[in-house]
């Protein structure tokens, strides 16, 4: 979502195109550096948990001053990512869902960010670090909630509108919730479907 927001905020299509063309090699370079470092750390410290091997490796080989720089950069990366994702999510909620509401845009965006943060904390608590189950849950409900309005608009052009979108989204999510409860054979189908 941040890429789309950045492209939409560009001053022209040419600026957005250059931004994408410059950012892709940088992403590839940074991802390659992280991947090579993590593979090297895993090879040298096989007993370390794979999710923490890179950080453990860095703390083992760096001198004291650089250890602090490494830890502060990890914390800064986490907060920067959290801040940008909350901002983009809040902007999307305000721009797409609450667009026709009058009022202070800044206050609405802050409220949307608090709402997204609260929903994220609720998900984290509900799934207890089980990322696979959380991924299946979000795909199951959010994809079905978006599939119904998309099919509605495809087969009934001009039948769009905020009310129809909300009703068909809730109908899709309700259908996914009801299916395992009323079906005689839910275990034969993959949980995603």
N, C-alpha and C. Protein backbone atom coordinates (compact mmCIF):
# COMPACT_ATOMS: atom_id res chain seq x y z
N UNK A 1 0.82 -1.22 0.00
CA UNK A 1 0.00 0.00 0.00
C UNK A 1 0.84 1.26 0.00
N UNK A 2 2.01 1.24 0.63
CA UNK A 2 2.83 2.44 0.67
C UNK A 2 3.35 2.80 -0.71
N UNK A 3 3.62 1.81 -1.55
CA UNK A 3 4.06 2.08 -2.91
C UNK A 3 2.97 2.79 -3.69
N UNK A 4 1.73 2.31 -3.55
CA UNK A 4 0.61 2.94 -4.26
C UNK A 4 0.40 4.37 -3.77
N UNK A 5 0.45 4.56 -2.46
CA UNK A 5 0.28 5.90 -1.90
C UNK A 5 1.37 6.84 -2.41
N UNK A 6 2.60 6.35 -2.46
CA UNK A 6 3.70 7.18 -2.95
C UNK A 6 3.55 7.52 -4.42
N UNK A 7 3.10 6.56 -5.22
CA UNK A 7 2.91 6.83 -6.65
C UNK A 7 1.77 7.82 -6.86
N UNK A 8 0.71 7.68 -6.08
CA UNK A 8 -0.42 8.60 -6.22
C UNK A 8 -0.07 10.01 -5.74
N UNK A 9 0.88 10.11 -4.83
CA UNK A 9 1.27 11.42 -4.31
C UNK A 9 2.34 12.10 -5.16
N UNK A 10 2.88 11.41 -6.16
CA UNK A 10 3.92 12.00 -7.01
C UNK A 10 3.35 13.16 -7.80
N UNK A 11 4.22 14.10 -8.14
CA UNK A 11 3.76 15.29 -8.86
C UNK A 11 3.38 15.00 -10.31
N UNK A 12 3.91 13.92 -10.87
CA UNK A 12 3.56 13.56 -12.25
C UNK A 12 3.79 12.07 -12.44
N UNK A 13 3.27 11.56 -13.55
CA UNK A 13 3.49 10.14 -13.87
C UNK A 13 4.97 9.85 -14.10
N UNK A 14 5.67 10.82 -14.67
CA UNK A 14 7.10 10.64 -14.93
C UNK A 14 7.87 10.52 -13.61
N UNK A 15 7.53 11.35 -12.63
CA UNK A 15 8.20 11.28 -11.32
C UNK A 15 7.90 9.94 -10.64
N UNK A 16 6.66 9.47 -10.74
CA UNK A 16 6.30 8.18 -10.15
C UNK A 16 7.07 7.05 -10.83
N UNK A 17 7.19 7.11 -12.16
CA UNK A 17 7.91 6.09 -12.91
C UNK A 17 9.38 6.06 -12.48
N UNK A 18 10.01 7.24 -12.37
CA UNK A 18 11.41 7.30 -11.94
C UNK A 18 11.56 6.80 -10.51
N UNK A 19 10.60 7.12 -9.67
CA UNK A 19 10.65 6.63 -8.29
C UNK A 19 10.62 5.13 -8.22
N UNK A 20 9.77 4.51 -9.03
CA UNK A 20 9.68 3.05 -9.05
C UNK A 20 10.96 2.46 -9.62
N UNK A 21 11.46 3.03 -10.72
CA UNK A 21 12.67 2.50 -11.35
C UNK A 21 13.90 2.62 -10.46
N UNK A 22 13.95 3.66 -9.61
CA UNK A 22 15.07 3.80 -8.69
C UNK A 22 14.90 2.96 -7.43
N UNK A 23 13.66 2.77 -7.00
CA UNK A 23 13.46 2.05 -5.74
C UNK A 23 13.61 0.54 -5.90
N UNK A 24 13.28 0.00 -7.04
CA UNK A 24 13.37 -1.46 -7.21
C UNK A 24 14.81 -1.96 -7.07
N UNK A 25 15.82 -1.35 -7.73
CA UNK A 25 17.19 -1.82 -7.49
C UNK A 25 17.66 -1.64 -6.03
N UNK A 26 17.20 -0.56 -5.40
CA UNK A 26 17.57 -0.37 -3.99
C UNK A 26 16.95 -1.44 -3.11
N UNK A 27 15.67 -1.77 -3.34
CA UNK A 27 15.04 -2.85 -2.59
C UNK A 27 15.77 -4.16 -2.80
N UNK A 28 16.11 -4.46 -4.05
CA UNK A 28 16.82 -5.70 -4.34
C UNK A 28 18.18 -5.74 -3.63
N UNK A 29 18.89 -4.61 -3.64
CA UNK A 29 20.20 -4.55 -2.98
C UNK A 29 20.07 -4.76 -1.47
N UNK A 30 19.14 -4.03 -0.84
CA UNK A 30 18.97 -4.17 0.61
C UNK A 30 18.49 -5.56 0.99
N UNK A 31 17.57 -6.11 0.21
CA UNK A 31 17.09 -7.46 0.50
C UNK A 31 18.20 -8.50 0.32
N UNK A 32 19.05 -8.31 -0.70
CA UNK A 32 20.17 -9.23 -0.90
C UNK A 32 21.16 -9.14 0.26
N UNK A 33 21.44 -7.93 0.73
CA UNK A 33 22.35 -7.77 1.88
C UNK A 33 21.80 -8.47 3.12
N UNK A 34 20.52 -8.29 3.37
CA UNK A 34 19.91 -8.94 4.54
C UNK A 34 19.90 -10.45 4.38
N UNK A 35 19.56 -10.92 3.18
CA UNK A 35 19.50 -12.36 2.95
C UNK A 35 20.87 -13.01 3.07
N UNK A 36 21.89 -12.41 2.47
CA UNK A 36 23.24 -12.98 2.55
C UNK A 36 23.74 -12.96 3.99
N UNK A 37 23.50 -11.86 4.69
CA UNK A 37 23.89 -11.79 6.10
C UNK A 37 23.19 -12.82 6.95
N UNK A 38 21.89 -13.02 6.72
CA UNK A 38 21.13 -14.01 7.49
C UNK A 38 21.60 -15.43 7.18
N UNK A 39 21.89 -15.72 5.93
CA UNK A 39 22.39 -17.06 5.57
C UNK A 39 23.76 -17.30 6.20
N UNK A 40 24.61 -16.29 6.17
CA UNK A 40 25.93 -16.40 6.78
C UNK A 40 25.81 -16.61 8.29
N UNK A 41 24.90 -15.86 8.92
CA UNK A 41 24.70 -15.99 10.37
C UNK A 41 24.17 -17.38 10.70
N UNK A 42 23.26 -17.88 9.90
CA UNK A 42 22.69 -19.21 10.15
C UNK A 42 23.75 -20.30 9.97
N UNK A 43 24.65 -20.10 9.02
CA UNK A 43 25.71 -21.09 8.79
C UNK A 43 26.72 -21.09 9.94
N UNK A 44 27.03 -19.92 10.49
CA UNK A 44 28.02 -19.85 11.57
C UNK A 44 27.43 -20.18 12.94
N UNK A 45 26.13 -19.93 13.12
CA UNK A 45 25.48 -20.21 14.40
C UNK A 45 24.26 -21.10 14.13
N UNK A 46 24.47 -22.38 13.84
CA UNK A 46 23.33 -23.24 13.48
C UNK A 46 22.35 -23.47 14.63
N UNK A 47 22.80 -23.33 15.87
CA UNK A 47 21.90 -23.58 17.00
C UNK A 47 20.99 -22.39 17.31
N UNK A 48 21.27 -21.25 16.72
CA UNK A 48 20.45 -20.06 16.97
C UNK A 48 19.10 -20.18 16.26
N UNK A 49 18.05 -19.66 16.88
CA UNK A 49 16.74 -19.66 16.19
C UNK A 49 16.85 -18.86 14.89
N UNK A 50 16.28 -19.36 13.84
CA UNK A 50 16.46 -18.73 12.53
C UNK A 50 15.93 -17.30 12.48
N UNK A 51 14.89 -17.00 13.26
CA UNK A 51 14.33 -15.65 13.25
C UNK A 51 15.26 -14.65 13.94
N UNK A 52 16.18 -15.14 14.77
CA UNK A 52 17.04 -14.23 15.52
C UNK A 52 18.52 -14.40 15.21
N UNK A 53 18.86 -15.28 14.27
CA UNK A 53 20.27 -15.58 14.00
C UNK A 53 21.03 -14.36 13.52
N UNK A 54 20.43 -13.54 12.69
CA UNK A 54 21.09 -12.35 12.15
C UNK A 54 21.45 -11.38 13.27
N UNK A 55 20.52 -11.14 14.16
CA UNK A 55 20.77 -10.22 15.27
C UNK A 55 21.79 -10.80 16.25
N UNK A 56 21.69 -12.07 16.55
CA UNK A 56 22.66 -12.71 17.45
C UNK A 56 24.06 -12.66 16.85
N UNK A 57 24.16 -12.92 15.55
CA UNK A 57 25.44 -12.87 14.86
C UNK A 57 26.04 -11.46 14.93
N UNK A 58 25.22 -10.46 14.66
CA UNK A 58 25.70 -9.08 14.73
C UNK A 58 26.18 -8.72 16.12
N UNK A 59 25.46 -9.17 17.15
CA UNK A 59 25.85 -8.85 18.53
C UNK A 59 27.11 -9.61 18.94
N UNK A 60 27.40 -10.73 18.32
CA UNK A 60 28.60 -11.49 18.66
C UNK A 60 29.85 -10.91 18.01
N UNK A 61 29.75 -10.40 16.79
CA UNK A 61 30.98 -9.99 16.09
C UNK A 61 31.27 -8.50 16.17
N UNK A 62 30.28 -7.68 16.49
CA UNK A 62 30.51 -6.23 16.49
C UNK A 62 31.09 -5.76 17.81
N UNK A 63 31.92 -4.71 17.78
CA UNK A 63 32.40 -4.13 19.04
C UNK A 63 31.27 -3.39 19.75
N UNK A 64 31.52 -2.98 20.99
CA UNK A 64 30.45 -2.43 21.83
C UNK A 64 29.75 -1.23 21.21
N UNK A 65 30.44 -0.30 20.66
CA UNK A 65 29.80 0.88 20.09
C UNK A 65 28.90 0.55 18.90
N UNK A 66 29.35 -0.37 18.07
CA UNK A 66 28.56 -0.76 16.91
C UNK A 66 27.38 -1.67 17.29
N UNK A 67 27.49 -2.37 18.43
CA UNK A 67 26.34 -3.15 18.91
C UNK A 67 25.17 -2.21 19.22
N UNK A 68 25.47 -1.11 19.86
CA UNK A 68 24.43 -0.13 20.16
C UNK A 68 23.83 0.46 18.89
N UNK A 69 24.69 0.72 17.91
CA UNK A 69 24.21 1.24 16.63
C UNK A 69 23.32 0.21 15.93
N UNK A 70 23.70 -1.06 15.99
CA UNK A 70 22.89 -2.12 15.38
C UNK A 70 21.52 -2.20 16.06
N UNK A 71 21.50 -2.23 17.39
CA UNK A 71 20.23 -2.33 18.11
C UNK A 71 19.35 -1.11 17.89
N UNK A 72 19.97 0.07 17.89
CA UNK A 72 19.16 1.27 17.67
C UNK A 72 18.63 1.33 16.24
N UNK A 73 19.40 0.82 15.28
CA UNK A 73 18.90 0.81 13.90
C UNK A 73 17.77 -0.20 13.73
N UNK A 74 17.82 -1.33 14.43
CA UNK A 74 16.73 -2.30 14.37
C UNK A 74 15.47 -1.70 14.98
N UNK A 75 15.60 -1.04 16.13
CA UNK A 75 14.44 -0.41 16.76
C UNK A 75 13.90 0.71 15.87
N UNK A 76 14.78 1.50 15.27
CA UNK A 76 14.34 2.58 14.38
C UNK A 76 13.63 2.03 13.15
N UNK A 77 14.11 0.91 12.63
CA UNK A 77 13.46 0.29 11.48
C UNK A 77 12.07 -0.20 11.84
N UNK A 78 11.93 -0.80 13.01
CA UNK A 78 10.62 -1.29 13.45
C UNK A 78 9.65 -0.13 13.61
N UNK A 79 10.08 0.94 14.28
CA UNK A 79 9.19 2.08 14.49
C UNK A 79 8.88 2.81 13.19
N UNK A 80 9.84 2.90 12.30
CA UNK A 80 9.60 3.56 11.02
C UNK A 80 8.59 2.78 10.19
N UNK A 81 8.74 1.47 10.16
CA UNK A 81 7.81 0.63 9.43
C UNK A 81 6.42 0.70 10.04
N UNK A 82 6.35 0.63 11.36
CA UNK A 82 5.07 0.72 12.04
C UNK A 82 4.39 2.05 11.77
N UNK A 83 5.17 3.14 11.84
CA UNK A 83 4.63 4.47 11.61
C UNK A 83 4.11 4.62 10.18
N UNK A 84 4.89 4.17 9.20
CA UNK A 84 4.45 4.34 7.82
C UNK A 84 3.24 3.47 7.50
N UNK A 85 3.21 2.23 8.01
CA UNK A 85 2.05 1.37 7.74
C UNK A 85 0.80 1.88 8.43
N UNK A 86 0.93 2.40 9.65
CA UNK A 86 -0.24 2.99 10.32
C UNK A 86 -0.71 4.24 9.60
N UNK A 87 0.22 5.06 9.13
CA UNK A 87 -0.16 6.27 8.40
C UNK A 87 -0.86 5.93 7.09
N UNK A 88 -0.30 4.98 6.34
CA UNK A 88 -0.92 4.59 5.07
C UNK A 88 -2.29 3.96 5.32
N UNK A 89 -2.40 3.10 6.32
CA UNK A 89 -3.69 2.47 6.62
C UNK A 89 -4.71 3.52 7.04
N UNK A 90 -4.30 4.46 7.87
CA UNK A 90 -5.20 5.54 8.27
C UNK A 90 -5.62 6.40 7.09
N UNK A 91 -4.68 6.70 6.21
CA UNK A 91 -5.00 7.51 5.02
C UNK A 91 -5.96 6.77 4.10
N UNK A 92 -5.77 5.47 3.94
CA UNK A 92 -6.66 4.68 3.09
C UNK A 92 -8.06 4.63 3.69
N UNK A 93 -8.14 4.42 5.01
CA UNK A 93 -9.45 4.39 5.65
C UNK A 93 -10.18 5.73 5.49
N UNK A 94 -9.47 6.82 5.74
CA UNK A 94 -10.10 8.14 5.65
C UNK A 94 -10.42 8.47 4.20
N UNK A 95 -9.50 8.20 3.28
CA UNK A 95 -9.70 8.55 1.88
C UNK A 95 -10.73 7.71 1.17
N UNK A 96 -10.82 6.43 1.50
CA UNK A 96 -11.71 5.54 0.78
C UNK A 96 -13.04 5.30 1.48
N UNK A 97 -13.03 5.19 2.78
CA UNK A 97 -14.25 4.82 3.49
C UNK A 97 -14.97 6.04 4.07
N UNK A 98 -14.22 6.94 4.68
CA UNK A 98 -14.84 8.11 5.30
C UNK A 98 -14.73 9.35 4.43
N UNK A 99 -14.62 9.17 3.13
CA UNK A 99 -14.37 10.28 2.21
C UNK A 99 -15.47 11.34 2.24
N UNK A 100 -16.71 10.92 2.31
CA UNK A 100 -17.82 11.87 2.22
C UNK A 100 -18.18 12.50 3.56
N UNK A 101 -17.52 12.13 4.60
CA UNK A 101 -17.80 12.70 5.91
C UNK A 101 -17.13 14.06 6.02
N UNK A 102 -17.85 15.01 6.58
CA UNK A 102 -17.25 16.32 6.79
C UNK A 102 -16.52 16.31 8.12
N UNK A 103 -15.61 17.21 8.28
CA UNK A 103 -14.88 17.30 9.53
C UNK A 103 -13.40 17.50 9.28
N UNK A 104 -12.66 17.44 10.36
CA UNK A 104 -11.23 17.66 10.33
C UNK A 104 -10.53 16.42 9.79
N UNK A 105 -9.86 16.54 8.64
CA UNK A 105 -9.18 15.41 8.02
C UNK A 105 -8.06 14.87 8.89
N UNK A 106 -7.35 15.76 9.59
CA UNK A 106 -6.24 15.32 10.45
C UNK A 106 -6.78 14.48 11.60
N UNK A 107 -7.85 14.94 12.22
CA UNK A 107 -8.43 14.19 13.34
C UNK A 107 -8.97 12.84 12.88
N UNK A 108 -9.59 12.83 11.70
CA UNK A 108 -10.09 11.57 11.17
C UNK A 108 -8.96 10.60 10.87
N UNK A 109 -7.86 11.12 10.33
CA UNK A 109 -6.72 10.25 10.03
C UNK A 109 -6.11 9.69 11.32
N UNK A 110 -6.00 10.52 12.36
CA UNK A 110 -5.47 10.04 13.64
C UNK A 110 -6.39 8.99 14.25
N UNK A 111 -7.70 9.22 14.16
CA UNK A 111 -8.67 8.24 14.67
C UNK A 111 -8.57 6.93 13.90
N UNK A 112 -8.41 7.03 12.59
CA UNK A 112 -8.26 5.82 11.77
C UNK A 112 -6.97 5.08 12.12
N UNK A 113 -5.89 5.82 12.38
CA UNK A 113 -4.64 5.17 12.78
C UNK A 113 -4.79 4.46 14.11
N UNK A 114 -5.49 5.07 15.06
CA UNK A 114 -5.74 4.43 16.36
C UNK A 114 -6.60 3.18 16.16
N UNK A 115 -7.59 3.26 15.27
CA UNK A 115 -8.45 2.12 14.97
C UNK A 115 -7.64 0.97 14.38
N UNK A 116 -6.77 1.26 13.42
CA UNK A 116 -5.94 0.23 12.79
C UNK A 116 -4.97 -0.36 13.81
N UNK A 117 -4.39 0.48 14.65
CA UNK A 117 -3.47 0.00 15.69
C UNK A 117 -4.20 -0.91 16.67
N UNK A 118 -5.39 -0.51 17.08
CA UNK A 118 -6.18 -1.35 17.99
C UNK A 118 -6.55 -2.67 17.36
N UNK A 119 -6.94 -2.65 16.09
CA UNK A 119 -7.27 -3.88 15.37
C UNK A 119 -6.04 -4.79 15.26
N UNK A 120 -4.88 -4.20 15.01
CA UNK A 120 -3.64 -4.98 14.92
C UNK A 120 -3.30 -5.63 16.25
N UNK A 121 -3.46 -4.88 17.34
CA UNK A 121 -3.19 -5.44 18.67
C UNK A 121 -4.18 -6.55 19.00
N UNK A 122 -5.43 -6.37 18.60
CA UNK A 122 -6.44 -7.39 18.81
C UNK A 122 -6.09 -8.67 18.05
N UNK A 123 -5.65 -8.53 16.79
CA UNK A 123 -5.24 -9.68 16.00
C UNK A 123 -4.03 -10.37 16.64
N UNK A 124 -3.05 -9.58 17.08
CA UNK A 124 -1.85 -10.16 17.69
C UNK A 124 -2.20 -10.94 18.94
N UNK A 125 -3.11 -10.41 19.73
CA UNK A 125 -3.51 -11.11 20.96
C UNK A 125 -4.35 -12.35 20.63
N UNK A 126 -5.25 -12.24 19.67
CA UNK A 126 -6.15 -13.35 19.35
C UNK A 126 -5.42 -14.54 18.75
N UNK A 127 -4.38 -14.29 17.96
CA UNK A 127 -3.71 -15.39 17.27
C UNK A 127 -2.43 -15.85 17.96
N UNK A 128 -2.03 -15.20 19.04
CA UNK A 128 -0.91 -15.65 19.87
C UNK A 128 0.32 -16.06 19.07
N UNK A 129 0.76 -15.19 18.17
CA UNK A 129 1.96 -15.39 17.35
C UNK A 129 1.83 -16.50 16.31
N UNK A 130 0.65 -16.98 16.05
CA UNK A 130 0.45 -17.99 15.02
C UNK A 130 0.18 -17.26 13.71
N UNK A 131 1.25 -16.92 13.01
CA UNK A 131 1.13 -16.11 11.80
C UNK A 131 0.40 -16.84 10.67
N UNK A 132 0.56 -18.14 10.58
CA UNK A 132 -0.11 -18.88 9.51
C UNK A 132 -1.62 -18.85 9.70
N UNK A 133 -2.07 -19.04 10.92
CA UNK A 133 -3.52 -18.98 11.18
C UNK A 133 -4.06 -17.58 10.97
N UNK A 134 -3.29 -16.56 11.35
CA UNK A 134 -3.73 -15.18 11.13
C UNK A 134 -3.78 -14.87 9.63
N UNK A 135 -2.83 -15.36 8.87
CA UNK A 135 -2.82 -15.14 7.43
C UNK A 135 -4.04 -15.81 6.79
N UNK A 136 -4.35 -17.03 7.19
CA UNK A 136 -5.53 -17.72 6.65
C UNK A 136 -6.81 -16.99 7.03
N UNK A 137 -6.89 -16.51 8.26
CA UNK A 137 -8.08 -15.78 8.70
C UNK A 137 -8.29 -14.50 7.89
N UNK A 138 -7.22 -13.71 7.75
CA UNK A 138 -7.37 -12.45 7.03
C UNK A 138 -7.67 -12.70 5.56
N UNK A 139 -7.02 -13.68 4.96
CA UNK A 139 -7.33 -13.99 3.56
C UNK A 139 -8.76 -14.47 3.41
N UNK A 140 -9.16 -15.34 4.29
CA UNK A 140 -10.50 -15.91 4.21
C UNK A 140 -11.57 -14.83 4.28
N UNK A 141 -11.49 -13.96 5.28
CA UNK A 141 -12.55 -12.98 5.48
C UNK A 141 -12.40 -11.76 4.57
N UNK A 142 -11.20 -11.24 4.42
CA UNK A 142 -11.04 -10.01 3.65
C UNK A 142 -11.19 -10.27 2.15
N UNK A 143 -10.71 -11.41 1.66
CA UNK A 143 -10.89 -11.70 0.25
C UNK A 143 -12.36 -11.95 -0.09
N UNK A 144 -13.06 -12.66 0.80
CA UNK A 144 -14.48 -12.88 0.54
C UNK A 144 -15.26 -11.57 0.66
N UNK A 145 -14.84 -10.70 1.56
CA UNK A 145 -15.52 -9.41 1.70
C UNK A 145 -15.28 -8.52 0.49
N UNK A 146 -14.18 -8.70 -0.22
CA UNK A 146 -13.92 -7.91 -1.42
C UNK A 146 -14.42 -8.60 -2.70
N UNK A 147 -14.53 -9.92 -2.67
CA UNK A 147 -14.97 -10.63 -3.86
C UNK A 147 -16.42 -10.32 -4.21
N UNK A 148 -17.28 -10.30 -3.21
CA UNK A 148 -18.71 -10.05 -3.48
C UNK A 148 -18.95 -8.67 -4.11
N UNK A 149 -18.41 -7.58 -3.57
CA UNK A 149 -18.64 -6.30 -4.23
C UNK A 149 -18.03 -6.24 -5.63
N UNK A 150 -16.88 -6.88 -5.81
CA UNK A 150 -16.25 -6.86 -7.13
C UNK A 150 -17.13 -7.59 -8.15
N UNK A 151 -17.67 -8.75 -7.77
CA UNK A 151 -18.55 -9.47 -8.68
C UNK A 151 -19.85 -8.71 -8.91
N UNK A 152 -20.36 -8.06 -7.88
CA UNK A 152 -21.60 -7.28 -8.00
C UNK A 152 -21.42 -6.17 -9.03
N UNK A 153 -20.34 -5.42 -8.91
CA UNK A 153 -20.10 -4.31 -9.83
C UNK A 153 -19.80 -4.84 -11.24
N UNK A 154 -19.17 -6.00 -11.33
CA UNK A 154 -18.86 -6.58 -12.64
C UNK A 154 -20.13 -6.99 -13.38
N UNK A 155 -21.03 -7.66 -12.66
CA UNK A 155 -22.24 -8.15 -13.31
C UNK A 155 -23.38 -7.12 -13.32
N UNK A 156 -23.30 -6.12 -12.47
CA UNK A 156 -24.32 -5.07 -12.41
C UNK A 156 -23.63 -3.71 -12.49
N UNK A 157 -23.11 -3.31 -13.65
CA UNK A 157 -22.44 -2.01 -13.73
C UNK A 157 -23.42 -0.90 -13.37
N UNK A 158 -23.00 0.02 -12.59
CA UNK A 158 -23.87 1.10 -12.16
C UNK A 158 -24.58 0.79 -10.85
N UNK A 159 -24.42 -0.42 -10.33
CA UNK A 159 -25.06 -0.78 -9.07
C UNK A 159 -24.13 -0.52 -7.89
N UNK A 160 -23.05 0.24 -8.13
CA UNK A 160 -22.10 0.51 -7.08
C UNK A 160 -22.65 1.45 -6.04
N UNK A 161 -21.82 1.99 -5.26
CA UNK A 161 -22.22 2.89 -4.20
C UNK A 161 -21.72 2.38 -2.87
N UNK A 162 -21.59 3.28 -1.93
CA UNK A 162 -21.03 2.91 -0.62
C UNK A 162 -21.92 1.92 0.11
N UNK A 163 -23.23 2.14 0.06
CA UNK A 163 -24.14 1.25 0.79
C UNK A 163 -24.09 -0.16 0.22
N UNK A 164 -24.14 -0.30 -1.10
CA UNK A 164 -24.06 -1.63 -1.72
C UNK A 164 -22.72 -2.30 -1.45
N UNK A 165 -21.65 -1.51 -1.43
CA UNK A 165 -20.33 -2.07 -1.13
C UNK A 165 -20.30 -2.65 0.27
N UNK A 166 -20.78 -1.89 1.24
CA UNK A 166 -20.76 -2.36 2.63
C UNK A 166 -21.65 -3.58 2.80
N UNK A 167 -22.84 -3.55 2.22
CA UNK A 167 -23.76 -4.68 2.36
C UNK A 167 -23.20 -5.95 1.72
N UNK A 168 -22.64 -5.83 0.53
CA UNK A 168 -22.11 -7.03 -0.12
C UNK A 168 -20.83 -7.50 0.57
N UNK A 169 -20.03 -6.59 1.12
CA UNK A 169 -18.85 -7.01 1.87
C UNK A 169 -19.24 -7.76 3.12
N UNK A 170 -20.21 -7.24 3.85
CA UNK A 170 -20.68 -7.95 5.04
C UNK A 170 -21.32 -9.29 4.69
N UNK A 171 -22.01 -9.34 3.56
CA UNK A 171 -22.59 -10.60 3.11
C UNK A 171 -21.53 -11.64 2.80
N UNK A 172 -20.46 -11.23 2.15
CA UNK A 172 -19.37 -12.17 1.85
C UNK A 172 -18.69 -12.68 3.10
N UNK A 173 -18.42 -11.78 4.05
CA UNK A 173 -17.78 -12.20 5.30
C UNK A 173 -18.71 -13.09 6.11
N UNK A 174 -20.01 -12.77 6.12
CA UNK A 174 -20.98 -13.59 6.84
C UNK A 174 -21.08 -14.99 6.22
N UNK A 175 -21.03 -15.07 4.89
CA UNK A 175 -21.08 -16.37 4.23
C UNK A 175 -19.87 -17.23 4.61
N UNK A 176 -18.70 -16.62 4.70
CA UNK A 176 -17.50 -17.38 5.08
C UNK A 176 -17.61 -17.84 6.53
N UNK A 177 -18.20 -17.03 7.37
CA UNK A 177 -18.35 -17.40 8.77
C UNK A 177 -19.39 -18.51 8.93
N UNK A 178 -20.48 -18.44 8.16
CA UNK A 178 -21.56 -19.41 8.29
C UNK A 178 -21.25 -20.76 7.65
N UNK A 179 -20.46 -20.78 6.59
CA UNK A 179 -20.24 -22.01 5.82
C UNK A 179 -19.80 -23.20 6.67
N UNK A 180 -18.76 -23.08 7.50
CA UNK A 180 -18.36 -24.27 8.29
C UNK A 180 -19.40 -24.67 9.33
N UNK A 181 -20.27 -23.74 9.71
CA UNK A 181 -21.26 -24.03 10.74
C UNK A 181 -22.50 -24.74 10.19
N UNK A 182 -22.79 -24.54 8.91
CA UNK A 182 -24.00 -25.16 8.34
C UNK A 182 -23.68 -26.28 7.36
N UNK A 183 -22.43 -26.39 6.94
CA UNK A 183 -22.07 -27.38 5.95
C UNK A 183 -21.80 -28.72 6.62
N UNK A 184 -22.14 -29.80 5.92
CA UNK A 184 -21.91 -31.14 6.45
C UNK A 184 -20.49 -31.62 6.15
N UNK A 185 -19.78 -30.98 5.22
CA UNK A 185 -18.45 -31.45 4.82
C UNK A 185 -17.44 -30.31 4.75
N UNK A 186 -17.26 -29.54 5.82
CA UNK A 186 -16.29 -28.44 5.73
C UNK A 186 -14.84 -28.91 5.76
N UNK A 187 -14.57 -30.11 6.29
CA UNK A 187 -13.19 -30.55 6.40
C UNK A 187 -12.61 -30.99 5.07
N UNK A 188 -13.44 -31.21 4.04
CA UNK A 188 -12.94 -31.63 2.74
C UNK A 188 -12.37 -30.48 1.94
N UNK A 189 -12.64 -29.25 2.36
CA UNK A 189 -12.20 -28.06 1.62
C UNK A 189 -11.09 -27.39 2.40
N UNK A 190 -10.10 -26.91 1.69
CA UNK A 190 -9.00 -26.17 2.30
C UNK A 190 -9.57 -25.01 3.14
N UNK A 191 -9.00 -24.73 4.33
CA UNK A 191 -9.53 -23.67 5.17
C UNK A 191 -9.57 -22.29 4.50
N UNK A 192 -8.70 -22.06 3.52
CA UNK A 192 -8.71 -20.76 2.85
C UNK A 192 -9.99 -20.58 2.04
N UNK A 193 -10.53 -21.65 1.49
CA UNK A 193 -11.70 -21.55 0.62
C UNK A 193 -12.97 -21.82 1.38
